[in-house]
Amino acid sequence: MSGTQSRIMYLELKSGQQDRGPARIGRVTFSASGKTLYYRGKSFQSCKGRGCGGNYFDVETDEEYWISGPKKNGQDRHWAGSGSVEIDEDVADEYWAEIRQCPPPKN
């Protein structure tokens, strides 16, 4: 898998969730063509031209997702949405240092 590109991304389930779906910050890898994204055993392809509520869909379940680069200010959810955003443990240090550029909140 050498040369596989990866990036920390924001992922939110959109199908049937009314902007309150489960959301995560995690490391996504890209296919060689860049047309497929992979995260936690799932494969996602662009909704372009599908009339999708998100911007990607799970190729196995057809569920719609919003997948994007995380925002420096942490406001990744849709303005009308709510709920917590989980940060994968394996990217937490990099997320806080490189993207948010601040220390993580104390629990």
PDB file of N, CA and C in Angstrom:
ATOM      1  N   MET A   1       0.811  -1.201   0.000  1.00  0.00           N
ATOM      2  CA  MET A   1       0.000   0.000   0.000  1.00  0.00           C
ATOM      3  C   MET A   1       0.850   1.259   0.000  1.00  0.00           C
ATOM      4  N   SER A   2       2.076   1.172  -0.404  1.00  0.00           N
ATOM      5  CA  SER A   2       2.897   2.374  -0.419  1.00  0.00           C
ATOM      6  C   SER A   2       2.315   3.372  -1.403  1.00  0.00           C
ATOM      7  N   GLY A   3       2.412   4.637  -1.052  1.00  0.00           N
ATOM      8  CA  GLY A   3       1.870   5.679  -1.907  1.00  0.00           C
ATOM      9  C   GLY A   3       0.406   5.980  -1.644  1.00  0.00           C
ATOM     10  N   THR A   4      -0.235   5.205  -0.765  1.00  0.00           N
ATOM     11  CA  THR A   4      -1.626   5.466  -0.446  1.00  0.00           C
ATOM     12  C   THR A   4      -1.718   6.780   0.311  1.00  0.00           C
ATOM     13  N   GLN A   5      -2.562   7.665  -0.187  1.00  0.00           N
ATOM     14  CA  GLN A   5      -2.719   8.953   0.479  1.00  0.00           C
ATOM     15  C   GLN A   5      -3.772   8.843   1.568  1.00  0.00           C
ATOM     16  N   SER A   6      -3.538   9.562   2.655  1.00  0.00           N
ATOM     17  CA  SER A   6      -4.517   9.599   3.731  1.00  0.00           C
ATOM     18  C   SER A   6      -4.621  11.022   4.249  1.00  0.00           C
ATOM     19  N   ARG A   7      -5.731  11.272   4.921  1.00  0.00           N
ATOM     20  CA  ARG A   7      -5.980  12.613   5.437  1.00  0.00           C
ATOM     21  C   ARG A   7      -6.981  12.515   6.582  1.00  0.00           C
ATOM     22  N   ILE A   8      -6.836  13.376   7.564  1.00  0.00           N
ATOM     23  CA  ILE A   8      -7.830  13.458   8.630  1.00  0.00           C
ATOM     24  C   ILE A   8      -9.046  14.181   8.060  1.00  0.00           C
ATOM     25  N   MET A   9     -10.222  13.564   8.244  1.00  0.00           N
ATOM     26  CA  MET A   9     -11.451  14.110   7.673  1.00  0.00           C
ATOM     27  C   MET A   9     -12.583  14.069   8.705  1.00  0.00           C
ATOM     28  N   TYR A  10     -13.617  14.858   8.428  1.00  0.00           N
ATOM     29  CA  TYR A  10     -14.858  14.858   9.189  1.00  0.00           C
ATOM     30  C   TYR A  10     -15.847  13.978   8.430  1.00  0.00           C
ATOM     31  N   LEU A  11     -16.504  13.045   9.132  1.00  0.00           N
ATOM     32  CA  LEU A  11     -17.485  12.155   8.511  1.00  0.00           C
ATOM     33  C   LEU A  11     -18.771  12.190   9.327  1.00  0.00           C
ATOM     34  N   GLU A  12     -19.888  12.426   8.655  1.00  0.00           N
ATOM     35  CA  GLU A  12     -21.188  12.468   9.335  1.00  0.00           C
ATOM     36  C   GLU A  12     -22.220  11.701   8.522  1.00  0.00           C
ATOM     37  N   LEU A  13     -22.920  10.767   9.177  1.00  0.00           N
ATOM     38  CA  LEU A  13     -24.006  10.036   8.534  1.00  0.00           C
ATOM     39  C   LEU A  13     -25.168  10.992   8.313  1.00  0.00           C
ATOM     40  N   LYS A  14     -25.659  11.090   7.071  1.00  0.00           N
ATOM     41  CA  LYS A  14     -26.755  11.999   6.744  1.00  0.00           C
ATOM     42  C   LYS A  14     -28.084  11.263   6.577  1.00  0.00           C
ATOM     43  N   SER A  15     -28.068  10.034   6.069  1.00  0.00           N
ATOM     44  CA  SER A  15     -29.298   9.299   5.760  1.00  0.00           C
ATOM     45  C   SER A  15     -30.207   9.193   6.975  1.00  0.00           C
ATOM     46  N   GLY A  16     -31.402   9.781   6.875  1.00  0.00           N
ATOM     47  CA  GLY A  16     -32.410   9.670   7.916  1.00  0.00           C
ATOM     48  C   GLY A  16     -32.057  10.301   9.245  1.00  0.00           C
ATOM     49  N   GLN A  17     -31.089  11.187   9.290  1.00  0.00           N
ATOM     50  CA  GLN A  17     -30.606  11.709  10.567  1.00  0.00           C
ATOM     51  C   GLN A  17     -30.956  13.169  10.833  1.00  0.00           C
ATOM     52  N   GLN A  18     -31.457  13.897   9.854  1.00  0.00           N
ATOM     53  CA  GLN A  18     -31.835  15.306  10.019  1.00  0.00           C
ATOM     54  C   GLN A  18     -30.729  16.124  10.689  1.00  0.00           C
ATOM     55  N   ASP A  19     -29.521  16.003  10.169  1.00  0.00           N
ATOM     56  CA  ASP A  19     -28.353  16.756  10.651  1.00  0.00           C
ATOM     57  C   ASP A  19     -27.964  16.444  12.095  1.00  0.00           C
ATOM     58  N   ARG A  20     -28.380  15.277  12.600  1.00  0.00           N
ATOM     59  CA  ARG A  20     -28.003  14.865  13.951  1.00  0.00           C
ATOM     60  C   ARG A  20     -27.363  13.478  13.949  1.00  0.00           C
ATOM     61  N   GLY A  21     -26.859  13.069  12.807  1.00  0.00           N
ATOM     62  CA  GLY A  21     -26.275  11.734  12.681  1.00  0.00           C
ATOM     63  C   GLY A  21     -24.946  11.612  13.392  1.00  0.00           C
ATOM     64  N   PRO A  22     -24.519  10.381  13.640  1.00  0.00           N
ATOM     65  CA  PRO A  22     -23.216  10.168  14.254  1.00  0.00           C
ATOM     66  C   PRO A  22     -22.125  10.826  13.414  1.00  0.00           C
ATOM     67  N   ALA A  23     -21.179  11.461  14.087  1.00  0.00           N
ATOM     68  CA  ALA A  23     -20.113  12.182  13.389  1.00  0.00           C
ATOM     69  C   ALA A  23     -18.773  11.860  14.027  1.00  0.00           C
ATOM     70  N   ARG A  24     -17.736  11.797  13.180  1.00  0.00           N
ATOM     71  CA  ARG A  24     -16.398  11.442  13.647  1.00  0.00           C
ATOM     72  C   ARG A  24     -15.355  12.256  12.913  1.00  0.00           C
ATOM     73  N   ILE A  25     -14.218  12.385  13.570  1.00  0.00           N
ATOM     74  CA  ILE A  25     -13.000  12.878  12.941  1.00  0.00           C
ATOM     75  C   ILE A  25     -12.078  11.668  12.888  1.00  0.00           C
ATOM     76  N   GLY A  26     -11.622  11.305  11.689  1.00  0.00           N
ATOM     77  CA  GLY A  26     -10.767  10.134  11.565  1.00  0.00           C
ATOM     78  C   GLY A  26      -9.920  10.181  10.310  1.00  0.00           C
ATOM     79  N   ARG A  27      -9.022   9.218  10.198  1.00  0.00           N
ATOM     80  CA  ARG A  27      -8.126   9.158   9.040  1.00  0.00           C
ATOM     81  C   ARG A  27      -8.780   8.368   7.916  1.00  0.00           C
ATOM     82  N   VAL A  28      -8.923   9.028   6.777  1.00  0.00           N
ATOM     83  CA  VAL A  28      -9.495   8.451   5.568  1.00  0.00           C
ATOM     84  C   VAL A  28      -8.351   8.186   4.597  1.00  0.00           C
ATOM     85  N   THR A  29      -8.414   7.056   3.905  1.00  0.00           N
ATOM     86  CA  THR A  29      -7.440   6.800   2.839  1.00  0.00           C
ATOM     87  C   THR A  29      -8.166   6.886   1.502  1.00  0.00           C
ATOM     88  N   PHE A  30      -7.404   7.155   0.466  1.00  0.00           N
ATOM     89  CA  PHE A  30      -7.953   7.368  -0.867  1.00  0.00           C
ATOM     90  C   PHE A  30      -7.472   6.276  -1.810  1.00  0.00           C
ATOM     91  N   SER A  31      -8.329   5.879  -2.745  1.00  0.00           N
ATOM     92  CA  SER A  31      -7.908   4.955  -3.792  1.00  0.00           C
ATOM     93  C   SER A  31      -6.892   5.653  -4.688  1.00  0.00           C
ATOM     94  N   ALA A  32      -6.203   4.888  -5.511  1.00  0.00           N
ATOM     95  CA  ALA A  32      -5.205   5.464  -6.418  1.00  0.00           C
ATOM     96  C   ALA A  32      -5.830   6.514  -7.333  1.00  0.00           C
ATOM     97  N   SER A  33      -7.071   6.290  -7.755  1.00  0.00           N
ATOM     98  CA  SER A  33      -7.747   7.248  -8.640  1.00  0.00           C
ATOM     99  C   SER A  33      -8.310   8.439  -7.866  1.00  0.00           C
ATOM    100  N   GLY A  34      -8.440   8.279  -6.539  1.00  0.00           N
ATOM    101  CA  GLY A  34      -9.025   9.335  -5.714  1.00  0.00           C
ATOM    102  C   GLY A  34     -10.540   9.336  -5.726  1.00  0.00           C
ATOM    103  N   LYS A  35     -11.159   8.388  -6.424  1.00  0.00           N
ATOM    104  CA  LYS A  35     -12.620   8.361  -6.545  1.00  0.00           C
ATOM    105  C   LYS A  35     -13.298   7.627  -5.393  1.00  0.00           C
ATOM    106  N   THR A  36     -12.536   6.835  -4.656  1.00  0.00           N
ATOM    107  CA  THR A  36     -13.089   6.086  -3.530  1.00  0.00           C
ATOM    108  C   THR A  36     -12.312   6.450  -2.276  1.00  0.00           C
ATOM    109  N   LEU A  37     -13.062   6.666  -1.181  1.00  0.00           N
ATOM    110  CA  LEU A  37     -12.482   6.929   0.131  1.00  0.00           C
ATOM    111  C   LEU A  37     -12.738   5.706   0.996  1.00  0.00           C
ATOM    112  N   TYR A  38     -11.821   5.428   1.905  1.00  0.00           N
ATOM    113  CA  TYR A  38     -11.954   4.282   2.800  1.00  0.00           C
ATOM    114  C   TYR A  38     -11.808   4.742   4.243  1.00  0.00           C
ATOM    115  N   TYR A  39     -12.726   4.229   5.082  1.00  0.00           N
ATOM    116  CA  TYR A  39     -12.675   4.547   6.507  1.00  0.00           C
ATOM    117  C   TYR A  39     -13.304   3.401   7.280  1.00  0.00           C
ATOM    118  N   ARG A  40     -12.553   2.838   8.223  1.00  0.00           N
ATOM    119  CA  ARG A  40     -13.045   1.776   9.113  1.00  0.00           C
ATOM    120  C   ARG A  40     -13.774   0.662   8.367  1.00  0.00           C
ATOM    121  N   GLY A  41     -13.174   0.188   7.293  1.00  0.00           N
ATOM    122  CA  GLY A  41     -13.741  -0.927   6.542  1.00  0.00           C
ATOM    123  C   GLY A  41     -14.865  -0.557   5.594  1.00  0.00           C
ATOM    124  N   LYS A  42     -15.222   0.709   5.522  1.00  0.00           N
ATOM    125  CA  LYS A  42     -16.267   1.158   4.604  1.00  0.00           C
ATOM    126  C   LYS A  42     -15.628   1.825   3.393  1.00  0.00           C
ATOM    127  N   SER A  43     -16.319   1.737   2.264  1.00  0.00           N
ATOM    128  CA  SER A  43     -15.886   2.395   1.032  1.00  0.00           C
ATOM    129  C   SER A  43     -16.932   3.427   0.647  1.00  0.00           C
ATOM    130  N   PHE A  44     -16.470   4.616   0.299  1.00  0.00           N
ATOM    131  CA  PHE A  44     -17.359   5.720  -0.052  1.00  0.00           C
ATOM    132  C   PHE A  44     -17.015   6.247  -1.435  1.00  0.00           C
ATOM    133  N   GLN A  45     -18.060   6.594  -2.197  1.00  0.00           N
ATOM    134  CA  GLN A  45     -17.858   7.233  -3.493  1.00  0.00           C
ATOM    135  C   GLN A  45     -18.679   8.507  -3.548  1.00  0.00           C
ATOM    136  N   SER A  46     -18.274   9.405  -4.415  1.00  0.00           N
ATOM    137  CA  SER A  46     -18.921  10.706  -4.537  1.00  0.00           C
ATOM    138  C   SER A  46     -20.376  10.566  -4.968  1.00  0.00           C
ATOM    139  N   CYS A  47     -21.228  11.423  -4.417  1.00  0.00           N
ATOM    140  CA  CYS A  47     -22.641  11.468  -4.796  1.00  0.00           C
ATOM    141  C   CYS A  47     -22.870  12.325  -6.040  1.00  0.00           C
ATOM    142  N   LYS A  48     -21.835  12.888  -6.574  1.00  0.00           N
ATOM    143  CA  LYS A  48     -21.962  13.801  -7.709  1.00  0.00           C
ATOM    144  C   LYS A  48     -22.919  13.231  -8.756  1.00  0.00           C
ATOM    145  N   GLY A  49     -23.978  13.991  -9.063  1.00  0.00           N
ATOM    146  CA  GLY A  49     -24.945  13.577 -10.067  1.00  0.00           C
ATOM    147  C   GLY A  49     -26.010  12.618  -9.568  1.00  0.00           C
ATOM    148  N   ARG A  50     -26.021  12.285  -8.277  1.00  0.00           N
ATOM    149  CA  ARG A  50     -26.997  11.330  -7.727  1.00  0.00           C
ATOM    150  C   ARG A  50     -28.147  11.999  -7.001  1.00  0.00           C
ATOM    151  N   GLY A  51     -28.100  13.305  -6.776  1.00  0.00           N
ATOM    152  CA  GLY A  51     -29.145  13.959  -5.997  1.00  0.00           C
ATOM    153  C   GLY A  51     -29.127  13.498  -4.553  1.00  0.00           C
ATOM    154  N   CYS A  52     -27.983  13.444  -3.990  1.00  0.00           N
ATOM    155  CA  CYS A  52     -27.708  12.896  -2.666  1.00  0.00           C
ATOM    156  C   CYS A  52     -27.829  13.987  -1.598  1.00  0.00           C
ATOM    157  N   GLY A  53     -28.257  13.641  -0.392  1.00  0.00           N
ATOM    158  CA  GLY A  53     -28.316  14.600   0.711  1.00  0.00           C
ATOM    159  C   GLY A  53     -26.962  14.881   1.324  1.00  0.00           C
ATOM    160  N   GLY A  54     -26.013  14.018   1.069  1.00  0.00           N
ATOM    161  CA  GLY A  54     -24.642  14.220   1.520  1.00  0.00           C
ATOM    162  C   GLY A  54     -23.769  14.472   0.306  1.00  0.00           C
ATOM    163  N   ASN A  55     -22.489  14.252   0.460  1.00  0.00           N
ATOM    164  CA  ASN A  55     -21.611  14.393  -0.699  1.00  0.00           C
ATOM    165  C   ASN A  55     -20.931  13.071  -1.070  1.00  0.00           C
ATOM    166  N   TYR A  56     -21.088  12.046  -0.208  1.00  0.00           N
ATOM    167  CA  TYR A  56     -20.578  10.706  -0.489  1.00  0.00           C
ATOM    168  C   TYR A  56     -21.621   9.687  -0.060  1.00  0.00           C
ATOM    169  N   PHE A  57     -21.524   8.477  -0.614  1.00  0.00           N
ATOM    170  CA  PHE A  57     -22.395   7.392  -0.180  1.00  0.00           C
ATOM    171  C   PHE A  57     -21.556   6.152   0.083  1.00  0.00           C
ATOM    172  N   ASP A  58     -22.032   5.336   1.021  1.00  0.00           N
ATOM    173  CA  ASP A  58     -21.401   4.061   1.345  1.00  0.00           C
ATOM    174  C   ASP A  58     -21.755   3.096   0.212  1.00  0.00           C
ATOM    175  N   VAL A  59     -20.763   2.554  -0.476  1.00  0.00           N
ATOM    176  CA  VAL A  59     -21.035   1.719  -1.644  1.00  0.00           C
ATOM    177  C   VAL A  59     -21.744   0.415  -1.280  1.00  0.00           C
ATOM    178  N   GLU A  60     -21.647  -0.029  -0.032  1.00  0.00           N
ATOM    179  CA  GLU A  60     -22.303  -1.265   0.379  1.00  0.00           C
ATOM    180  C   GLU A  60     -23.735  -1.034   0.845  1.00  0.00           C
ATOM    181  N   THR A  61     -23.962  -0.002   1.654  1.00  0.00           N
ATOM    182  CA  THR A  61     -25.286   0.220   2.246  1.00  0.00           C
ATOM    183  C   THR A  61     -26.093   1.304   1.537  1.00  0.00           C
ATOM    184  N   ASP A  62     -25.455   2.111   0.696  1.00  0.00           N
ATOM    185  CA  ASP A  62     -26.060   3.242  -0.010  1.00  0.00           C
ATOM    186  C   ASP A  62     -26.419   4.399   0.933  1.00  0.00           C
ATOM    187  N   GLU A  63     -26.000   4.334   2.196  1.00  0.00           N
ATOM    188  CA  GLU A  63     -26.244   5.436   3.126  1.00  0.00           C
ATOM    189  C   GLU A  63     -25.430   6.653   2.697  1.00  0.00           C
ATOM    190  N   GLU A  64     -26.013   7.826   2.916  1.00  0.00           N
ATOM    191  CA  GLU A  64     -25.373   9.072   2.514  1.00  0.00           C
ATOM    192  C   GLU A  64     -24.590   9.673   3.676  1.00  0.00           C
ATOM    193  N   TYR A  65     -23.439  10.237   3.358  1.00  0.00           N
ATOM    194  CA  TYR A  65     -22.542  10.834   4.349  1.00  0.00           C
ATOM    195  C   TYR A  65     -22.083  12.200   3.874  1.00  0.00           C
ATOM    196  N   TRP A  66     -21.743  13.046   4.834  1.00  0.00           N
ATOM    197  CA  TRP A  66     -21.011  14.266   4.533  1.00  0.00           C
ATOM    198  C   TRP A  66     -19.575  14.010   4.970  1.00  0.00           C
ATOM    199  N   ILE A  67     -18.640  14.114   4.040  1.00  0.00           N
ATOM    200  CA  ILE A  67     -17.226  13.901   4.332  1.00  0.00           C
ATOM    201  C   ILE A  67     -16.464  15.117   3.832  1.00  0.00           C
ATOM    202  N   SER A  68     -15.732  15.743   4.739  1.00  0.00           N
ATOM    203  CA  SER A  68     -14.987  16.949   4.362  1.00  0.00           C
ATOM    204  C   SER A  68     -13.782  17.114   5.278  1.00  0.00           C
ATOM    205  N   GLY A  69     -12.924  18.027   4.905  1.00  0.00           N
ATOM    206  CA  GLY A  69     -11.815  18.362   5.775  1.00  0.00           C
ATOM    207  C   GLY A  69     -12.353  19.017   7.033  1.00  0.00           C
ATOM    208  N   PRO A  70     -11.796  18.702   8.197  1.00  0.00           N
ATOM    209  CA  PRO A  70     -12.278  19.321   9.433  1.00  0.00           C
ATOM    210  C   PRO A  70     -11.901  20.796   9.487  1.00  0.00           C
ATOM    211  N   LYS A  71     -12.756  21.576  10.115  1.00  0.00           N
ATOM    212  CA  LYS A  71     -12.529  23.022  10.226  1.00  0.00           C
ATOM    213  C   LYS A  71     -11.641  23.345  11.426  1.00  0.00           C
ATOM    214  N   LYS A  72     -10.812  24.337  11.265  1.00  0.00           N
ATOM    215  CA  LYS A  72      -9.912  24.754  12.342  1.00  0.00           C
ATOM    216  C   LYS A  72     -10.696  25.161  13.591  1.00  0.00           C
ATOM    217  N   ASN A  73     -11.887  25.772  13.397  1.00  0.00           N
ATOM    218  CA  ASN A  73     -12.676  26.226  14.542  1.00  0.00           C
ATOM    219  C   ASN A  73     -13.515  25.111  15.168  1.00  0.00           C
ATOM    220  N   GLY A  74     -13.495  23.914  14.578  1.00  0.00           N
ATOM    221  CA  GLY A  74     -14.228  22.785  15.141  1.00  0.00           C
ATOM    222  C   GLY A  74     -15.713  22.774  14.836  1.00  0.00           C
ATOM    223  N   GLN A  75     -16.203  23.742  14.082  1.00  0.00           N
ATOM    224  CA  GLN A  75     -17.634  23.832  13.765  1.00  0.00           C
ATOM    225  C   GLN A  75     -17.939  23.051  12.488  1.00  0.00           C
ATOM    226  N   ASP A  76     -17.817  21.741  12.550  1.00  0.00           N
ATOM    227  CA  ASP A  76     -17.971  20.908  11.362  1.00  0.00           C
ATOM    228  C   ASP A  76     -19.417  20.546  11.054  1.00  0.00           C
ATOM    229  N   ARG A  77     -20.250  20.465  12.060  1.00  0.00           N
ATOM    230  CA  ARG A  77     -21.646  20.098  11.829  1.00  0.00           C
ATOM    231  C   ARG A  77     -22.384  21.182  11.055  1.00  0.00           C
ATOM    232  N   HIS A  78     -23.434  20.755  10.345  1.00  0.00           N
ATOM    233  CA  HIS A  78     -24.338  21.691   9.675  1.00  0.00           C
ATOM    234  C   HIS A  78     -24.875  22.655  10.723  1.00  0.00           C
ATOM    235  N   TRP A  79     -25.110  23.905  10.347  1.00  0.00           N
ATOM    236  CA  TRP A  79     -25.540  24.926  11.319  1.00  0.00           C
ATOM    237  C   TRP A  79     -26.811  24.521  12.056  1.00  0.00           C
ATOM    238  N   ALA A  80     -27.667  23.726  11.434  1.00  0.00           N
ATOM    239  CA  ALA A  80     -28.915  23.314  12.083  1.00  0.00           C
ATOM    240  C   ALA A  80     -28.760  21.992  12.836  1.00  0.00           C
ATOM    241  N   GLY A  81     -27.597  21.396  12.758  1.00  0.00           N
ATOM    242  CA  GLY A  81     -27.386  20.092  13.370  1.00  0.00           C
ATOM    243  C   GLY A  81     -26.977  20.178  14.826  1.00  0.00           C
ATOM    244  N   SER A  82     -26.915  19.017  15.436  1.00  0.00           N
ATOM    245  CA  SER A  82     -26.491  18.956  16.836  1.00  0.00           C
ATOM    246  C   SER A  82     -25.879  17.587  17.112  1.00  0.00           C
ATOM    247  N   GLY A  83     -25.256  17.485  18.253  1.00  0.00           N
ATOM    248  CA  GLY A  83     -24.648  16.227  18.666  1.00  0.00           C
ATOM    249  C   GLY A  83     -23.146  16.342  18.741  1.00  0.00           C
ATOM    250  N   SER A  84     -22.560  15.421  19.472  1.00  0.00           N
ATOM    251  CA  SER A  84     -21.111  15.449  19.656  1.00  0.00           C
ATOM    252  C   SER A  84     -20.406  14.876  18.427  1.00  0.00           C
ATOM    253  N   VAL A  85     -19.151  15.229  18.295  1.00  0.00           N
ATOM    254  CA  VAL A  85     -18.298  14.703  17.232  1.00  0.00           C
ATOM    255  C   VAL A  85     -17.185  13.919  17.914  1.00  0.00           C
ATOM    256  N   GLU A  86     -17.121  12.629  17.646  1.00  0.00           N
ATOM    257  CA  GLU A  86     -16.094  11.771  18.235  1.00  0.00           C
ATOM    258  C   GLU A  86     -14.800  11.911  17.436  1.00  0.00           C
ATOM    259  N   ILE A  87     -13.681  11.916  18.135  1.00  0.00           N
ATOM    260  CA  ILE A  87     -12.372  11.992  17.489  1.00  0.00           C
ATOM    261  C   ILE A  87     -11.670  10.660  17.702  1.00  0.00           C
ATOM    262  N   ASP A  88     -11.304  10.008  16.612  1.00  0.00           N
ATOM    263  CA  ASP A  88     -10.604   8.728  16.718  1.00  0.00           C
ATOM    264  C   ASP A  88      -9.303   8.915  17.487  1.00  0.00           C
ATOM    265  N   GLU A  89      -9.049   7.990  18.387  1.00  0.00           N
ATOM    266  CA  GLU A  89      -7.872   8.073  19.258  1.00  0.00           C
ATOM    267  C   GLU A  89      -6.560   8.146  18.476  1.00  0.00           C
ATOM    268  N   ASP A  90      -6.497   7.429  17.348  1.00  0.00           N
ATOM    269  CA  ASP A  90      -5.240   7.383  16.587  1.00  0.00           C
ATOM    270  C   ASP A  90      -4.915   8.683  15.853  1.00  0.00           C
ATOM    271  N   VAL A  91      -5.855   9.617  15.782  1.00  0.00           N
ATOM    272  CA  VAL A  91      -5.590  10.904  15.114  1.00  0.00           C
ATOM    273  C   VAL A  91      -5.724  12.092  16.057  1.00  0.00           C
ATOM    274  N   ALA A  92      -6.096  11.850  17.301  1.00  0.00           N
ATOM    275  CA  ALA A  92      -6.408  12.947  18.229  1.00  0.00           C
ATOM    276  C   ALA A  92      -5.253  13.931  18.392  1.00  0.00           C
ATOM    277  N   ASP A  93      -4.050  13.443  18.637  1.00  0.00           N
ATOM    278  CA  ASP A  93      -2.911  14.351  18.836  1.00  0.00           C
ATOM    279  C   ASP A  93      -2.660  15.210  17.599  1.00  0.00           C
ATOM    280  N   GLU A  94      -2.664  14.577  16.433  1.00  0.00           N
ATOM    281  CA  GLU A  94      -2.431  15.309  15.187  1.00  0.00           C
ATOM    282  C   GLU A  94      -3.562  16.308  14.914  1.00  0.00           C
ATOM    283  N   TYR A  95      -4.797  15.890  15.178  1.00  0.00           N
ATOM    284  CA  TYR A  95      -5.951  16.772  14.969  1.00  0.00           C
ATOM    285  C   TYR A  95      -5.819  18.048  15.799  1.00  0.00           C
ATOM    286  N   TRP A  96      -5.548  17.909  17.092  1.00  0.00           N
ATOM    287  CA  TRP A  96      -5.461  19.086  17.962  1.00  0.00           C
ATOM    288  C   TRP A  96      -4.254  19.949  17.627  1.00  0.00           C
ATOM    289  N   ALA A  97      -3.124  19.328  17.310  1.00  0.00           N
ATOM    290  CA  ALA A  97      -1.901  20.096  17.037  1.00  0.00           C
ATOM    291  C   ALA A  97      -1.900  20.739  15.652  1.00  0.00           C
ATOM    292  N   GLU A  98      -2.271  19.980  14.626  1.00  0.00           N
ATOM    293  CA  GLU A  98      -2.135  20.456  13.249  1.00  0.00           C
ATOM    294  C   GLU A  98      -3.379  21.159  12.706  1.00  0.00           C
ATOM    295  N   ILE A  99      -4.555  20.698  13.094  1.00  0.00           N
ATOM    296  CA  ILE A  99      -5.783  21.267  12.525  1.00  0.00           C
ATOM    297  C   ILE A  99      -6.363  22.338  13.435  1.00  0.00           C
ATOM    298  N   ARG A 100      -6.619  21.991  14.674  1.00  0.00           N
ATOM    299  CA  ARG A 100      -7.205  22.969  15.602  1.00  0.00           C
ATOM    300  C   ARG A 100      -6.161  23.939  16.134  1.00  0.00           C
ATOM    301  N   GLN A 101      -4.905  23.521  16.150  1.00  0.00           N
ATOM    302  CA  GLN A 101      -3.781  24.342  16.614  1.00  0.00           C
ATOM    303  C   GLN A 101      -4.009  24.901  18.017  1.00  0.00           C
ATOM    304  N   CYS A 102      -4.497  24.012  18.877  1.00  0.00           N
ATOM    305  CA  CYS A 102      -4.705  24.365  20.281  1.00  0.00           C
ATOM    306  C   CYS A 102      -4.682  23.075  21.092  1.00  0.00           C
ATOM    307  N   PRO A 103      -4.519  23.178  22.405  1.00  0.00           N
ATOM    308  CA  PRO A 103      -4.543  21.961  23.220  1.00  0.00           C
ATOM    309  C   PRO A 103      -5.962  21.390  23.283  1.00  0.00           C
ATOM    310  N   PRO A 104      -6.087  20.085  23.452  1.00  0.00           N
ATOM    311  CA  PRO A 104      -7.419  19.495  23.581  1.00  0.00           C
ATOM    312  C   PRO A 104      -8.099  19.980  24.854  1.00  0.00           C
ATOM    313  N   PRO A 105      -9.438  20.004  24.852  1.00  0.00           N
ATOM    314  CA  PRO A 105     -10.135  20.414  26.075  1.00  0.00           C
ATOM    315  C   PRO A 105      -9.894  19.402  27.186  1.00  0.00           C
ATOM    316  N   LYS A 106      -9.891  19.875  28.406  1.00  0.00           N
ATOM    317  CA  LYS A 106      -9.740  18.972  29.556  1.00  0.00           C
ATOM    318  C   LYS A 106     -11.110  18.399  29.882  1.00  0.00           C
ATOM    319  N   ASN A 107     -11.134  17.094  30.153  1.00  0.00           N
ATOM    320  CA  ASN A 107     -12.420  16.432  30.453  1.00  0.00           C
ATOM    321  C   ASN A 107     -12.909  16.761  31.819  1.00  0.00           C
TER     322      ASN A 107
END
